[in-house]
Amino acid sequence: MYIMFSSYERLQKRSGKKGVDRFQYLKELIEEFSTTESSDAKEQVLANLANFSYDPINYQWLRRLKVIDIFLHQLSEGTLPLRRFAAAGICNLCLDFENKSYILQNGGVQLLTECLVSEDESLVLSSITSLMFLVTPQSKSEITSDKVVKLISVKAEGNNPRITNLAKIFLSDYHYPVKEGDPTKTEI
């Protein structure tokens, strides 16, 4: 069972008197990722980092340890499993304002867009969801560029219902023009 720690107080309460040195543990994970030769170990570590990305209490540590850079790098350079975990990590982090800004400033939209050509369900779902989460007034034109819309339109016509439905939501919410008086549409 996964329990998200929503505050430092709750983390301390659940950790006991000695506490948990979460920062040190994350630092050790990153060191293992950087030094291991084992692809299985790399995948396990990146999966763990993606899971830690779910909890906002970890954001400051993940930023300090440059985990977003690891995720961004793996989106373009990693094996399929590493790309899958990296996209999931980005998806988990990108609702936070600081993380979103960093991802946008460091080529995240382009890297996620490149993942849209994959046939891997998890990678595509995380990429589309991340793009949706990254939409801001400043980033909307890049995220709804002709290239992105074309790639997502192809996915909207595919055979995978999960991807098709998410792609249609993206197109409906971010691409098609908002009609005046349509209460179901909001413009970003």
C-alpha atoms as a PDB file:
ATOM      1  CA  MET A   1       0.000   0.000   0.000  1.00  0.00           C
ATOM      2  CA  TYR A   2       1.331   3.413  -0.969  1.00  0.00           C
ATOM      3  CA  ILE A   3       0.865   6.242   1.529  1.00  0.00           C
ATOM      4  CA  MET A   4       1.664   9.756   0.505  1.00  0.00           C
ATOM      5  CA  PHE A   5       3.188  11.966   3.166  1.00  0.00           C
ATOM      6  CA  SER A   6       1.458  15.297   2.774  1.00  0.00           C
ATOM      7  CA  SER A   7       3.381  17.230   5.393  1.00  0.00           C
ATOM      8  CA  TYR A   8       6.674  17.166   7.245  1.00  0.00           C
ATOM      9  CA  GLU A   9       4.757  16.680  10.493  1.00  0.00           C
ATOM     10  CA  ARG A  10       3.070  13.534   9.179  1.00  0.00           C
ATOM     11  CA  LEU A  11       6.387  12.219   7.835  1.00  0.00           C
ATOM     12  CA  GLN A  12       8.023  12.778  11.229  1.00  0.00           C
ATOM     13  CA  LYS A  13       5.096  11.189  13.068  1.00  0.00           C
ATOM     14  CA  ARG A  14       5.246   8.046  10.904  1.00  0.00           C
ATOM     15  CA  SER A  15       9.059   7.903  10.976  1.00  0.00           C
ATOM     16  CA  GLY A  16       9.597   7.625  14.716  1.00  0.00           C
ATOM     17  CA  LYS A  17      12.167   9.343  16.905  1.00  0.00           C
ATOM     18  CA  LYS A  18      15.134   8.699  14.633  1.00  0.00           C
ATOM     19  CA  GLY A  19      13.266  10.022  11.644  1.00  0.00           C
ATOM     20  CA  VAL A  20      13.919   9.344   8.010  1.00  0.00           C
ATOM     21  CA  ASP A  21      16.741  10.948   6.121  1.00  0.00           C
ATOM     22  CA  ARG A  22      14.825  11.046   2.874  1.00  0.00           C
ATOM     23  CA  PHE A  23      17.344  13.346   1.224  1.00  0.00           C
ATOM     24  CA  GLN A  24      20.211  10.962   1.949  1.00  0.00           C
ATOM     25  CA  TYR A  25      18.228   8.001   0.656  1.00  0.00           C
ATOM     26  CA  LEU A  26      17.378   9.825  -2.582  1.00  0.00           C
ATOM     27  CA  LYS A  27      21.019  10.852  -2.931  1.00  0.00           C
ATOM     28  CA  GLU A  28      22.076   7.208  -2.605  1.00  0.00           C
ATOM     29  CA  LEU A  29      19.550   6.186  -5.256  1.00  0.00           C
ATOM     30  CA  ILE A  30      20.975   8.751  -7.663  1.00  0.00           C
ATOM     31  CA  GLU A  31      24.509   7.607  -6.929  1.00  0.00           C
ATOM     32  CA  GLU A  32      23.486   4.013  -7.632  1.00  0.00           C
ATOM     33  CA  PHE A  33      21.800   5.071 -10.880  1.00  0.00           C
ATOM     34  CA  SER A  34      24.955   6.906 -11.958  1.00  0.00           C
ATOM     35  CA  THR A  35      27.418   4.165 -11.109  1.00  0.00           C
ATOM     36  CA  THR A  36      25.691   0.848 -11.747  1.00  0.00           C
ATOM     37  CA  GLU A  37      26.407  -1.122 -14.884  1.00  0.00           C
ATOM     38  CA  SER A  38      23.254  -3.209 -14.450  1.00  0.00           C
ATOM     39  CA  SER A  39      20.332  -2.185 -16.633  1.00  0.00           C
ATOM     40  CA  ASP A  40      17.948  -3.918 -14.201  1.00  0.00           C
ATOM     41  CA  ALA A  41      19.328  -1.862 -11.303  1.00  0.00           C
ATOM     42  CA  LYS A  42      19.030   1.362 -13.335  1.00  0.00           C
ATOM     43  CA  GLU A  43      15.404   0.547 -14.128  1.00  0.00           C
ATOM     44  CA  GLN A  44      14.623  -0.228 -10.475  1.00  0.00           C
ATOM     45  CA  VAL A  45      16.245   3.000  -9.269  1.00  0.00           C
ATOM     46  CA  LEU A  46      14.478   5.134 -11.862  1.00  0.00           C
ATOM     47  CA  ALA A  47      11.176   3.452 -10.984  1.00  0.00           C
ATOM     48  CA  ASN A  48      11.813   4.318  -7.322  1.00  0.00           C
ATOM     49  CA  LEU A  49      12.620   7.935  -8.197  1.00  0.00           C
ATOM     50  CA  ALA A  50       9.436   8.167 -10.280  1.00  0.00           C
ATOM     51  CA  ASN A  51       7.473   6.833  -7.298  1.00  0.00           C
ATOM     52  CA  PHE A  52       9.063   9.364  -4.952  1.00  0.00           C
ATOM     53  CA  SER A  53       7.959  12.018  -7.440  1.00  0.00           C
ATOM     54  CA  TYR A  54       4.330  11.382  -6.487  1.00  0.00           C
ATOM     55  CA  ASP A  55       4.703  13.065  -3.123  1.00  0.00           C
ATOM     56  CA  PRO A  56       5.041  16.858  -2.977  1.00  0.00           C
ATOM     57  CA  ILE A  57       7.058  16.548   0.223  1.00  0.00           C
ATOM     58  CA  ASN A  58       9.924  15.203  -1.917  1.00  0.00           C
ATOM     59  CA  TYR A  59       9.899  17.975  -4.536  1.00  0.00           C
ATOM     60  CA  GLN A  60      12.524  20.176  -2.903  1.00  0.00           C
ATOM     61  CA  TRP A  61      14.909  17.240  -2.512  1.00  0.00           C
ATOM     62  CA  LEU A  62      14.302  15.993  -6.031  1.00  0.00           C
ATOM     63  CA  ARG A  63      15.005  19.482  -7.404  1.00  0.00           C
ATOM     64  CA  ARG A  64      18.132  19.833  -5.284  1.00  0.00           C
ATOM     65  CA  LEU A  65      19.409  16.451  -6.512  1.00  0.00           C
ATOM     66  CA  LYS A  66      18.594  17.336 -10.126  1.00  0.00           C
ATOM     67  CA  VAL A  67      16.288  14.356 -10.599  1.00  0.00           C
ATOM     68  CA  ILE A  68      14.317  16.270 -13.233  1.00  0.00           C
ATOM     69  CA  ASP A  69      17.510  16.437 -15.304  1.00  0.00           C
ATOM     70  CA  ILE A  70      17.881  12.666 -15.006  1.00  0.00           C
ATOM     71  CA  PHE A  71      14.297  12.165 -16.157  1.00  0.00           C
ATOM     72  CA  LEU A  72      14.703  14.584 -19.071  1.00  0.00           C
ATOM     73  CA  HIS A  73      17.943  12.915 -20.155  1.00  0.00           C
ATOM     74  CA  GLN A  74      16.397   9.444 -20.017  1.00  0.00           C
ATOM     75  CA  LEU A  75      13.450  10.558 -22.172  1.00  0.00           C
ATOM     76  CA  SER A  76      15.828  10.893 -25.094  1.00  0.00           C
ATOM     77  CA  GLU A  77      18.743   8.612 -24.281  1.00  0.00           C
ATOM     78  CA  GLY A  78      17.310   5.785 -22.209  1.00  0.00           C
ATOM     79  CA  THR A  79      16.047   2.343 -23.091  1.00  0.00           C
ATOM     80  CA  LEU A  80      12.284   1.920 -23.394  1.00  0.00           C
ATOM     81  CA  PRO A  81      11.842   0.946 -19.716  1.00  0.00           C
ATOM     82  CA  LEU A  82      13.965   3.931 -18.618  1.00  0.00           C
ATOM     83  CA  ARG A  83      12.008   6.258 -20.920  1.00  0.00           C
ATOM     84  CA  ARG A  84       8.765   4.867 -19.468  1.00  0.00           C
ATOM     85  CA  PHE A  85       9.884   5.558 -15.863  1.00  0.00           C
ATOM     86  CA  ALA A  86      11.266   8.977 -16.791  1.00  0.00           C
ATOM     87  CA  ALA A  87       7.987  10.014 -18.417  1.00  0.00           C
ATOM     88  CA  ALA A  88       6.081   8.805 -15.343  1.00  0.00           C
ATOM     89  CA  GLY A  89       8.417  10.811 -13.103  1.00  0.00           C
ATOM     90  CA  ILE A  90       7.955  13.950 -15.203  1.00  0.00           C
ATOM     91  CA  CYS A  91       4.199  13.417 -15.119  1.00  0.00           C
ATOM     92  CA  ASN A  92       4.279  13.154 -11.329  1.00  0.00           C
ATOM     93  CA  LEU A  93       6.384  16.294 -10.938  1.00  0.00           C
ATOM     94  CA  CYS A  94       4.966  18.697 -13.489  1.00  0.00           C
ATOM     95  CA  LEU A  95       1.947  19.987 -11.585  1.00  0.00           C
ATOM     96  CA  ASP A  96       4.241  21.802  -9.172  1.00  0.00           C
ATOM     97  CA  PHE A  97       4.921  25.361 -10.377  1.00  0.00           C
ATOM     98  CA  GLU A  98       8.716  25.239  -9.907  1.00  0.00           C
ATOM     99  CA  ASN A  99       9.009  21.815 -11.498  1.00  0.00           C
ATOM    100  CA  LYS A 100       6.747  22.809 -14.382  1.00  0.00           C
ATOM    101  CA  SER A 101       8.792  25.912 -15.052  1.00  0.00           C
ATOM    102  CA  TYR A 102      12.046  23.934 -14.992  1.00  0.00           C
ATOM    103  CA  ILE A 103      10.702  21.246 -17.311  1.00  0.00           C
ATOM    104  CA  LEU A 104       9.434  23.864 -19.764  1.00  0.00           C
ATOM    105  CA  GLN A 105      12.727  25.796 -19.724  1.00  0.00           C
ATOM    106  CA  ASN A 106      14.793  22.656 -20.293  1.00  0.00           C
ATOM    107  CA  GLY A 107      13.199  21.223 -23.412  1.00  0.00           C
ATOM    108  CA  GLY A 108      10.617  19.025 -21.732  1.00  0.00           C
ATOM    109  CA  VAL A 109       7.917  19.692 -24.315  1.00  0.00           C
ATOM    110  CA  GLN A 110      10.168  18.615 -27.191  1.00  0.00           C
ATOM    111  CA  LEU A 111      11.313  15.492 -25.357  1.00  0.00           C
ATOM    112  CA  LEU A 112       7.758  14.496 -24.460  1.00  0.00           C
ATOM    113  CA  THR A 113       6.631  15.198 -28.020  1.00  0.00           C
ATOM    114  CA  GLU A 114       9.260  12.779 -29.325  1.00  0.00           C
ATOM    115  CA  CYS A 115       7.775  10.087 -27.067  1.00  0.00           C
ATOM    116  CA  LEU A 116       4.412  10.386 -28.812  1.00  0.00           C
ATOM    117  CA  VAL A 117       5.645   8.273 -31.739  1.00  0.00           C
ATOM    118  CA  SER A 118       6.129   5.281 -29.436  1.00  0.00           C
ATOM    119  CA  GLU A 119       3.746   2.338 -29.444  1.00  0.00           C
ATOM    120  CA  ASP A 120       4.332   1.831 -25.720  1.00  0.00           C
ATOM    121  CA  GLU A 121       1.088   2.561 -23.867  1.00  0.00           C
ATOM    122  CA  SER A 122       2.623   3.770 -20.582  1.00  0.00           C
ATOM    123  CA  LEU A 123       5.110   6.056 -22.299  1.00  0.00           C
ATOM    124  CA  VAL A 124       2.457   7.644 -24.512  1.00  0.00           C
ATOM    125  CA  LEU A 125      -0.071   8.050 -21.685  1.00  0.00           C
ATOM    126  CA  SER A 126       2.496   9.712 -19.406  1.00  0.00           C
ATOM    127  CA  SER A 127       3.680  11.950 -22.247  1.00  0.00           C
ATOM    128  CA  ILE A 128       0.208  13.173 -23.211  1.00  0.00           C
ATOM    129  CA  THR A 129      -0.766  13.685 -19.575  1.00  0.00           C
ATOM    130  CA  SER A 130       2.454  15.594 -18.901  1.00  0.00           C
ATOM    131  CA  LEU A 131       1.867  17.829 -21.904  1.00  0.00           C
ATOM    132  CA  MET A 132      -1.615  18.587 -20.602  1.00  0.00           C
ATOM    133  CA  PHE A 133      -0.223  19.412 -17.150  1.00  0.00           C
ATOM    134  CA  LEU A 134       2.472  21.638 -18.670  1.00  0.00           C
ATOM    135  CA  VAL A 135       0.060  23.917 -20.524  1.00  0.00           C
ATOM    136  CA  THR A 136       0.372  27.521 -19.373  1.00  0.00           C
ATOM    137  CA  PRO A 137      -0.468  30.714 -21.220  1.00  0.00           C
ATOM    138  CA  GLN A 138       3.225  30.898 -22.168  1.00  0.00           C
ATOM    139  CA  SER A 139       3.645  27.244 -23.218  1.00  0.00           C
ATOM    140  CA  LYS A 140       0.297  26.647 -24.900  1.00  0.00           C
ATOM    141  CA  SER A 141       1.460  27.556 -28.404  1.00  0.00           C
ATOM    142  CA  GLU A 142       4.390  25.114 -28.201  1.00  0.00           C
ATOM    143  CA  ILE A 143       2.262  22.333 -26.711  1.00  0.00           C
ATOM    144  CA  THR A 144      -0.477  22.829 -29.288  1.00  0.00           C
ATOM    145  CA  SER A 145       1.896  23.253 -32.226  1.00  0.00           C
ATOM    146  CA  ASP A 146       0.984  21.598 -35.508  1.00  0.00           C
ATOM    147  CA  LYS A 147       3.535  18.841 -34.866  1.00  0.00           C
ATOM    148  CA  VAL A 148       2.146  17.952 -31.436  1.00  0.00           C
ATOM    149  CA  VAL A 149      -1.466  18.133 -32.580  1.00  0.00           C
ATOM    150  CA  LYS A 150      -0.705  15.924 -35.583  1.00  0.00           C
ATOM    151  CA  LEU A 151       0.993  13.278 -33.408  1.00  0.00           C
ATOM    152  CA  ILE A 152      -1.813  13.316 -30.851  1.00  0.00           C
ATOM    153  CA  SER A 153      -4.449  13.235 -33.605  1.00  0.00           C
ATOM    154  CA  VAL A 154      -2.869  10.013 -34.884  1.00  0.00           C
ATOM    155  CA  LYS A 155      -3.122   8.565 -31.371  1.00  0.00           C
ATOM    156  CA  ALA A 156      -6.770   9.693 -31.165  1.00  0.00           C
ATOM    157  CA  GLU A 157      -7.510   7.475 -34.164  1.00  0.00           C
ATOM    158  CA  GLY A 158      -5.612   4.448 -32.846  1.00  0.00           C
ATOM    159  CA  ASN A 159      -6.785   1.104 -31.521  1.00  0.00           C
ATOM    160  CA  ASN A 160      -5.791   1.529 -27.876  1.00  0.00           C
ATOM    161  CA  PRO A 161      -8.847   2.913 -26.053  1.00  0.00           C
ATOM    162  CA  ARG A 162      -6.840   4.381 -23.160  1.00  0.00           C
ATOM    163  CA  ILE A 163      -4.557   6.321 -25.491  1.00  0.00           C
ATOM    164  CA  THR A 164      -7.393   7.211 -27.865  1.00  0.00           C
ATOM    165  CA  ASN A 165      -9.560   8.615 -25.074  1.00  0.00           C
ATOM    166  CA  LEU A 166      -6.725  10.633 -23.539  1.00  0.00           C
ATOM    167  CA  ALA A 167      -5.687  11.971 -26.953  1.00  0.00           C
ATOM    168  CA  LYS A 168      -9.283  13.056 -27.624  1.00  0.00           C
ATOM    169  CA  ILE A 169      -9.398  14.833 -24.263  1.00  0.00           C
ATOM    170  CA  PHE A 170      -6.163  16.650 -25.111  1.00  0.00           C
ATOM    171  CA  LEU A 171      -7.534  17.714 -28.498  1.00  0.00           C
ATOM    172  CA  SER A 172     -10.864  18.750 -27.033  1.00  0.00           C
ATOM    173  CA  ASP A 173      -9.393  20.716 -24.138  1.00  0.00           C
ATOM    174  CA  TYR A 174      -6.361  22.309 -25.767  1.00  0.00           C
ATOM    175  CA  HIS A 175      -6.617  22.288 -29.526  1.00  0.00           C
ATOM    176  CA  TYR A 176     -10.128  22.892 -30.714  1.00  0.00           C
ATOM    177  CA  PRO A 177     -11.265  26.496 -30.439  1.00  0.00           C
ATOM    178  CA  VAL A 178     -13.479  27.409 -27.545  1.00  0.00           C
ATOM    179  CA  LYS A 179     -16.989  28.251 -28.632  1.00  0.00           C
ATOM    180  CA  GLU A 180     -18.579  31.181 -26.879  1.00  0.00           C
ATOM    181  CA  GLY A 181     -21.178  30.120 -24.400  1.00  0.00           C
ATOM    182  CA  ASP A 182     -19.866  26.540 -24.191  1.00  0.00           C
ATOM    183  CA  PRO A 183     -19.631  25.938 -20.412  1.00  0.00           C
ATOM    184  CA  THR A 184     -17.692  22.683 -20.900  1.00  0.00           C
ATOM    185  CA  LYS A 185     -14.697  24.447 -22.453  1.00  0.00           C
ATOM    186  CA  THR A 186     -12.283  26.706 -20.660  1.00  0.00           C
ATOM    187  CA  GLU A 187      -9.506  28.558 -22.333  1.00  0.00           C
ATOM    188  CA  ILE A 188      -6.083  28.397 -20.808  1.00  0.00           C
END
